[in-house]
Amino acid sequence: MTIPFRDAAELEAGGNAAFLRITGGDRRRAAALLQVNGRGEPIEFTFNHLDLPSGPLWRPHDLAHWVARELTASLLQAAQRSPLVLLCLAREVPPGLFRDDLLVQLPVCRVATRDEMAGLDRGEVAEERRVTDETVHLFWRPAPAPPESPPRRLLESLVTRGLVLEPFERVLAGIHEALADQGS
């Protein structure tokens, strides 16, 4: 006979948070989406990469924006689960990506450390939070998740555990492993 139960982290947070990273080299860019539960345990990892078009036809800023849009859209389409909140690094994701190019139906939060210069984009709402020994800036679109909402409870669970910045490092490690597996 089975005993009915529920995972405490699932009840506490109510879903998954997705962490987006976009990286690159000279001719190839890669991106990944790591979804974690309220404990920071990995739930899903989605990865993609593309080779940059060559030639003088692309302005560098346009190319960077195109890469971010194409890779992010491919990851969102490939993901099997729907997260409650999407977190990305402000230094990697153009401010207008989730304003002009990709409209998602969940709160998006660009994250920057205190030392990073990240401008507030039109339509974003800034929030400063203390996470372990570091202060981070959260740039919400369209607005900060309300205090009692599932996305906010999930974020608070991650903040309490010091997991607002750390999952981004795991995403990067996952990208490196995926590229190594492909022989790139």
C-alpha atoms as a PDB file:
ATOM      1  CA  MET A   1       0.000   0.000   0.000  1.00  0.00           C
ATOM      2  CA  THR A   2       1.352   3.463  -0.853  1.00  0.00           C
ATOM      3  CA  ILE A   3       1.237   6.378   1.527  1.00  0.00           C
ATOM      4  CA  PRO A   4       0.114   9.672  -0.004  1.00  0.00           C
ATOM      5  CA  PHE A   5       2.645  12.470   0.412  1.00  0.00           C
ATOM      6  CA  ARG A   6       3.737  15.796  -1.079  1.00  0.00           C
ATOM      7  CA  ASP A   7       7.244  17.183  -1.385  1.00  0.00           C
ATOM      8  CA  ALA A   8       7.651  20.035   1.135  1.00  0.00           C
ATOM      9  CA  ALA A   9       9.707  22.154  -1.310  1.00  0.00           C
ATOM     10  CA  GLU A  10       7.014  21.781  -3.951  1.00  0.00           C
ATOM     11  CA  LEU A  11       4.335  22.861  -1.493  1.00  0.00           C
ATOM     12  CA  GLU A  12       6.470  25.729  -0.182  1.00  0.00           C
ATOM     13  CA  ALA A  13       7.474  27.137  -3.568  1.00  0.00           C
ATOM     14  CA  GLY A  14       4.706  25.835  -5.798  1.00  0.00           C
ATOM     15  CA  GLY A  15       6.826  25.300  -8.914  1.00  0.00           C
ATOM     16  CA  ASN A  16      10.132  25.783 -10.688  1.00  0.00           C
ATOM     17  CA  ALA A  17      12.388  28.725 -11.400  1.00  0.00           C
ATOM     18  CA  ALA A  18      14.233  28.869 -14.728  1.00  0.00           C
ATOM     19  CA  PHE A  19      17.768  30.285 -14.964  1.00  0.00           C
ATOM     20  CA  LEU A  20      18.879  31.429 -18.439  1.00  0.00           C
ATOM     21  CA  ARG A  21      22.510  31.823 -19.553  1.00  0.00           C
ATOM     22  CA  ILE A  22      23.799  32.967 -22.930  1.00  0.00           C
ATOM     23  CA  THR A  23      27.518  32.500 -23.625  1.00  0.00           C
ATOM     24  CA  GLY A  24      29.755  32.560 -26.591  1.00  0.00           C
ATOM     25  CA  GLY A  25      33.045  32.439 -28.335  1.00  0.00           C
ATOM     26  CA  ASP A  26      34.278  33.902 -31.587  1.00  0.00           C
ATOM     27  CA  ARG A  27      32.019  32.039 -34.024  1.00  0.00           C
ATOM     28  CA  ARG A  28      29.579  30.100 -31.808  1.00  0.00           C
ATOM     29  CA  ARG A  29      27.092  31.101 -29.140  1.00  0.00           C
ATOM     30  CA  ALA A  30      25.381  28.761 -26.710  1.00  0.00           C
ATOM     31  CA  ALA A  31      22.535  29.119 -24.250  1.00  0.00           C
ATOM     32  CA  ALA A  32      20.847  26.959 -21.668  1.00  0.00           C
ATOM     33  CA  LEU A  33      17.863  27.024 -19.372  1.00  0.00           C
ATOM     34  CA  LEU A  34      18.131  25.263 -16.007  1.00  0.00           C
ATOM     35  CA  GLN A  35      14.917  24.776 -14.079  1.00  0.00           C
ATOM     36  CA  VAL A  36      15.225  24.177 -10.348  1.00  0.00           C
ATOM     37  CA  ASN A  37      12.754  23.635  -7.536  1.00  0.00           C
ATOM     38  CA  GLY A  38      12.616  25.709  -4.344  1.00  0.00           C
ATOM     39  CA  ARG A  39      15.568  23.755  -2.921  1.00  0.00           C
ATOM     40  CA  GLY A  40      17.673  24.470  -5.986  1.00  0.00           C
ATOM     41  CA  GLU A  41      17.541  20.847  -7.158  1.00  0.00           C
ATOM     42  CA  PRO A  42      17.711  20.513 -10.947  1.00  0.00           C
ATOM     43  CA  ILE A  43      14.426  19.616 -12.599  1.00  0.00           C
ATOM     44  CA  GLU A  44      15.166  20.220 -16.297  1.00  0.00           C
ATOM     45  CA  PHE A  45      18.101  21.358 -18.440  1.00  0.00           C
ATOM     46  CA  THR A  46      17.554  22.661 -21.972  1.00  0.00           C
ATOM     47  CA  PHE A  47      20.500  23.556 -24.232  1.00  0.00           C
ATOM     48  CA  ASN A  48      21.071  24.963 -27.728  1.00  0.00           C
ATOM     49  CA  HIS A  49      23.830  26.632 -29.723  1.00  0.00           C
ATOM     50  CA  LEU A  50      24.273  28.318 -33.066  1.00  0.00           C
ATOM     51  CA  ASP A  51      27.074  29.366 -35.344  1.00  0.00           C
ATOM     52  CA  LEU A  52      27.231  33.074 -36.046  1.00  0.00           C
ATOM     53  CA  PRO A  53      26.634  34.311 -39.575  1.00  0.00           C
ATOM     54  CA  SER A  54      29.835  35.581 -41.121  1.00  0.00           C
ATOM     55  CA  GLY A  55      30.545  38.696 -43.057  1.00  0.00           C
ATOM     56  CA  PRO A  56      30.232  42.429 -42.654  1.00  0.00           C
ATOM     57  CA  LEU A  57      26.440  42.568 -43.028  1.00  0.00           C
ATOM     58  CA  TRP A  58      25.686  42.439 -39.304  1.00  0.00           C
ATOM     59  CA  ARG A  59      26.323  45.312 -36.950  1.00  0.00           C
ATOM     60  CA  PRO A  60      27.751  43.878 -33.690  1.00  0.00           C
ATOM     61  CA  HIS A  61      24.858  45.126 -31.533  1.00  0.00           C
ATOM     62  CA  ASP A  62      22.251  43.716 -33.941  1.00  0.00           C
ATOM     63  CA  LEU A  63      24.034  40.379 -34.074  1.00  0.00           C
ATOM     64  CA  ALA A  64      24.187  40.107 -30.278  1.00  0.00           C
ATOM     65  CA  HIS A  65      20.489  40.928 -30.017  1.00  0.00           C
ATOM     66  CA  TRP A  66      19.585  38.421 -32.756  1.00  0.00           C
ATOM     67  CA  VAL A  67      21.602  35.686 -31.046  1.00  0.00           C
ATOM     68  CA  ALA A  68      19.904  36.323 -27.689  1.00  0.00           C
ATOM     69  CA  ARG A  69      16.459  36.287 -29.300  1.00  0.00           C
ATOM     70  CA  GLU A  70      17.018  33.146 -31.382  1.00  0.00           C
ATOM     71  CA  LEU A  71      18.619  31.106 -28.615  1.00  0.00           C
ATOM     72  CA  THR A  72      16.144  32.177 -25.939  1.00  0.00           C
ATOM     73  CA  ALA A  73      13.134  31.466 -28.162  1.00  0.00           C
ATOM     74  CA  SER A  74      14.491  28.009 -29.007  1.00  0.00           C
ATOM     75  CA  LEU A  75      14.982  27.181 -25.318  1.00  0.00           C
ATOM     76  CA  LEU A  76      11.506  28.367 -24.351  1.00  0.00           C
ATOM     77  CA  GLN A  77       9.999  26.240 -27.136  1.00  0.00           C
ATOM     78  CA  ALA A  78      12.014  23.153 -26.186  1.00  0.00           C
ATOM     79  CA  ALA A  79      11.372  23.306 -22.438  1.00  0.00           C
ATOM     80  CA  GLN A  80       9.051  20.549 -21.228  1.00  0.00           C
ATOM     81  CA  ARG A  81       7.992  22.376 -18.056  1.00  0.00           C
ATOM     82  CA  SER A  82       6.592  25.831 -17.506  1.00  0.00           C
ATOM     83  CA  PRO A  83       8.450  27.722 -14.745  1.00  0.00           C
ATOM     84  CA  LEU A  84       6.872  30.244 -12.394  1.00  0.00           C
ATOM     85  CA  VAL A  85       9.650  32.801 -12.890  1.00  0.00           C
ATOM     86  CA  LEU A  86      12.493  33.269 -15.383  1.00  0.00           C
ATOM     87  CA  LEU A  87      15.803  34.673 -14.107  1.00  0.00           C
ATOM     88  CA  CYS A  88      18.633  35.832 -16.361  1.00  0.00           C
ATOM     89  CA  LEU A  89      21.842  37.801 -15.938  1.00  0.00           C
ATOM     90  CA  ALA A  90      21.474  41.463 -16.863  1.00  0.00           C
ATOM     91  CA  ARG A  91      24.951  41.468 -18.439  1.00  0.00           C
ATOM     92  CA  GLU A  92      23.984  38.656 -20.858  1.00  0.00           C
ATOM     93  CA  VAL A  93      20.410  39.497 -21.803  1.00  0.00           C
ATOM     94  CA  PRO A  94      19.653  42.711 -23.699  1.00  0.00           C
ATOM     95  CA  PRO A  95      17.189  44.844 -21.716  1.00  0.00           C
ATOM     96  CA  GLY A  96      14.619  44.951 -24.520  1.00  0.00           C
ATOM     97  CA  LEU A  97      14.587  41.207 -25.229  1.00  0.00           C
ATOM     98  CA  PHE A  98      11.504  40.553 -23.096  1.00  0.00           C
ATOM     99  CA  ARG A  99       9.941  43.900 -23.995  1.00  0.00           C
ATOM    100  CA  ASP A 100      10.270  44.066 -27.781  1.00  0.00           C
ATOM    101  CA  ASP A 101      11.041  40.562 -29.023  1.00  0.00           C
ATOM    102  CA  LEU A 102       9.732  37.845 -26.727  1.00  0.00           C
ATOM    103  CA  LEU A 103       6.556  38.264 -24.733  1.00  0.00           C
ATOM    104  CA  VAL A 104       6.272  35.648 -22.012  1.00  0.00           C
ATOM    105  CA  GLN A 105       3.387  35.023 -19.660  1.00  0.00           C
ATOM    106  CA  LEU A 106       5.466  34.847 -16.495  1.00  0.00           C
ATOM    107  CA  PRO A 107       7.552  37.272 -14.454  1.00  0.00           C
ATOM    108  CA  VAL A 108      11.048  37.818 -15.853  1.00  0.00           C
ATOM    109  CA  CYS A 109      13.812  38.992 -13.565  1.00  0.00           C
ATOM    110  CA  ARG A 110      17.163  40.250 -14.856  1.00  0.00           C
ATOM    111  CA  VAL A 111      19.732  39.874 -12.076  1.00  0.00           C
ATOM    112  CA  ALA A 112      22.824  42.027 -11.526  1.00  0.00           C
ATOM    113  CA  THR A 113      25.299  42.121  -8.673  1.00  0.00           C
ATOM    114  CA  ARG A 114      25.961  45.354  -6.851  1.00  0.00           C
ATOM    115  CA  ASP A 115      29.255  45.848  -8.739  1.00  0.00           C
ATOM    116  CA  GLU A 116      27.757  45.374 -12.191  1.00  0.00           C
ATOM    117  CA  MET A 117      26.468  48.290 -14.154  1.00  0.00           C
ATOM    118  CA  ALA A 118      23.027  47.354 -15.429  1.00  0.00           C
ATOM    119  CA  GLY A 119      20.607  49.985 -16.537  1.00  0.00           C
ATOM    120  CA  LEU A 120      16.943  49.860 -15.751  1.00  0.00           C
ATOM    121  CA  ASP A 121      15.016  49.272 -18.952  1.00  0.00           C
ATOM    122  CA  ARG A 122      11.790  51.021 -19.818  1.00  0.00           C
ATOM    123  CA  GLY A 123       8.969  49.079 -18.189  1.00  0.00           C
ATOM    124  CA  GLU A 124      11.139  47.282 -15.638  1.00  0.00           C
ATOM    125  CA  VAL A 125      10.799  47.697 -11.895  1.00  0.00           C
ATOM    126  CA  ALA A 126      13.968  47.514  -9.797  1.00  0.00           C
ATOM    127  CA  GLU A 127      14.345  45.826  -6.430  1.00  0.00           C
ATOM    128  CA  GLU A 128      17.445  45.388  -4.277  1.00  0.00           C
ATOM    129  CA  ARG A 129      17.887  42.215  -2.212  1.00  0.00           C
ATOM    130  CA  ARG A 130      20.507  40.907   0.166  1.00  0.00           C
ATOM    131  CA  VAL A 131      21.478  37.338  -0.763  1.00  0.00           C
ATOM    132  CA  THR A 132      23.962  35.719   1.630  1.00  0.00           C
ATOM    133  CA  ASP A 133      26.928  38.128   1.627  1.00  0.00           C
ATOM    134  CA  GLU A 134      26.012  39.956  -1.553  1.00  0.00           C
ATOM    135  CA  THR A 135      23.471  42.539  -2.623  1.00  0.00           C
ATOM    136  CA  VAL A 136      21.788  41.880  -5.941  1.00  0.00           C
ATOM    137  CA  HIS A 137      19.608  44.054  -8.117  1.00  0.00           C
ATOM    138  CA  LEU A 138      16.482  42.471  -9.545  1.00  0.00           C
ATOM    139  CA  PHE A 139      14.964  44.092 -12.629  1.00  0.00           C
ATOM    140  CA  TRP A 140      11.410  42.773 -12.991  1.00  0.00           C
ATOM    141  CA  ARG A 141       9.262  42.723 -16.095  1.00  0.00           C
ATOM    142  CA  PRO A 142       6.406  43.478 -16.163  1.00  0.00           C
ATOM    143  CA  ALA A 143       6.379  44.088 -12.383  1.00  0.00           C
ATOM    144  CA  PRO A 144       7.696  42.454  -9.218  1.00  0.00           C
ATOM    145  CA  ALA A 145       5.789  39.329  -8.303  1.00  0.00           C
ATOM    146  CA  PRO A 146       3.212  40.158  -5.587  1.00  0.00           C
ATOM    147  CA  PRO A 147       4.226  39.171  -2.022  1.00  0.00           C
ATOM    148  CA  GLU A 148       1.974  36.116  -1.668  1.00  0.00           C
ATOM    149  CA  SER A 149       2.134  34.907  -5.270  1.00  0.00           C
ATOM    150  CA  PRO A 150       3.718  31.542  -6.187  1.00  0.00           C
ATOM    151  CA  PRO A 151       6.575  33.215  -8.143  1.00  0.00           C
ATOM    152  CA  ARG A 152       7.441  35.401  -5.113  1.00  0.00           C
ATOM    153  CA  ARG A 153       7.263  32.443  -2.685  1.00  0.00           C
ATOM    154  CA  LEU A 154       9.588  30.530  -4.988  1.00  0.00           C
ATOM    155  CA  LEU A 155      12.024  33.441  -5.225  1.00  0.00           C
ATOM    156  CA  GLU A 156      11.967  33.848  -1.430  1.00  0.00           C
ATOM    157  CA  SER A 157      12.723  30.163  -1.035  1.00  0.00           C
ATOM    158  CA  LEU A 158      15.729  30.559  -3.336  1.00  0.00           C
ATOM    159  CA  VAL A 159      16.878  33.752  -1.564  1.00  0.00           C
ATOM    160  CA  THR A 160      16.669  32.020   1.834  1.00  0.00           C
ATOM    161  CA  ARG A 161      18.873  29.217   0.531  1.00  0.00           C
ATOM    162  CA  GLY A 162      21.351  31.601  -1.166  1.00  0.00           C
ATOM    163  CA  LEU A 163      20.305  30.344  -4.610  1.00  0.00           C
ATOM    164  CA  VAL A 164      19.756  33.486  -6.638  1.00  0.00           C
ATOM    165  CA  LEU A 165      23.232  33.625  -8.236  1.00  0.00           C
ATOM    166  CA  GLU A 166      24.630  30.108  -7.755  1.00  0.00           C
ATOM    167  CA  PRO A 167      22.362  28.313 -10.290  1.00  0.00           C
ATOM    168  CA  PHE A 168      23.781  30.538 -13.035  1.00  0.00           C
ATOM    169  CA  GLU A 169      27.174  28.875 -12.444  1.00  0.00           C
ATOM    170  CA  ARG A 170      25.597  25.429 -12.797  1.00  0.00           C
ATOM    171  CA  VAL A 171      23.998  26.487 -16.089  1.00  0.00           C
ATOM    172  CA  LEU A 172      27.419  27.542 -17.362  1.00  0.00           C
ATOM    173  CA  ALA A 173      28.923  24.202 -16.279  1.00  0.00           C
ATOM    174  CA  GLY A 174      26.076  22.429 -18.090  1.00  0.00           C
ATOM    175  CA  ILE A 175      26.764  24.402 -21.270  1.00  0.00           C
ATOM    176  CA  HIS A 176      30.460  23.476 -21.149  1.00  0.00           C
ATOM    177  CA  GLU A 177      29.596  19.804 -20.626  1.00  0.00           C
ATOM    178  CA  ALA A 178      27.031  19.819 -23.460  1.00  0.00           C
ATOM    179  CA  LEU A 179      29.511  21.436 -25.851  1.00  0.00           C
ATOM    180  CA  ALA A 180      32.221  18.938 -24.840  1.00  0.00           C
ATOM    181  CA  ASP A 181      29.820  16.048 -25.485  1.00  0.00           C
ATOM    182  CA  GLN A 182      29.228  17.432 -29.005  1.00  0.00           C
ATOM    183  CA  GLY A 183      32.947  17.746 -29.641  1.00  0.00           C
ATOM    184  CA  SER A 184      32.833  21.548 -29.894  1.00  0.00           C
END
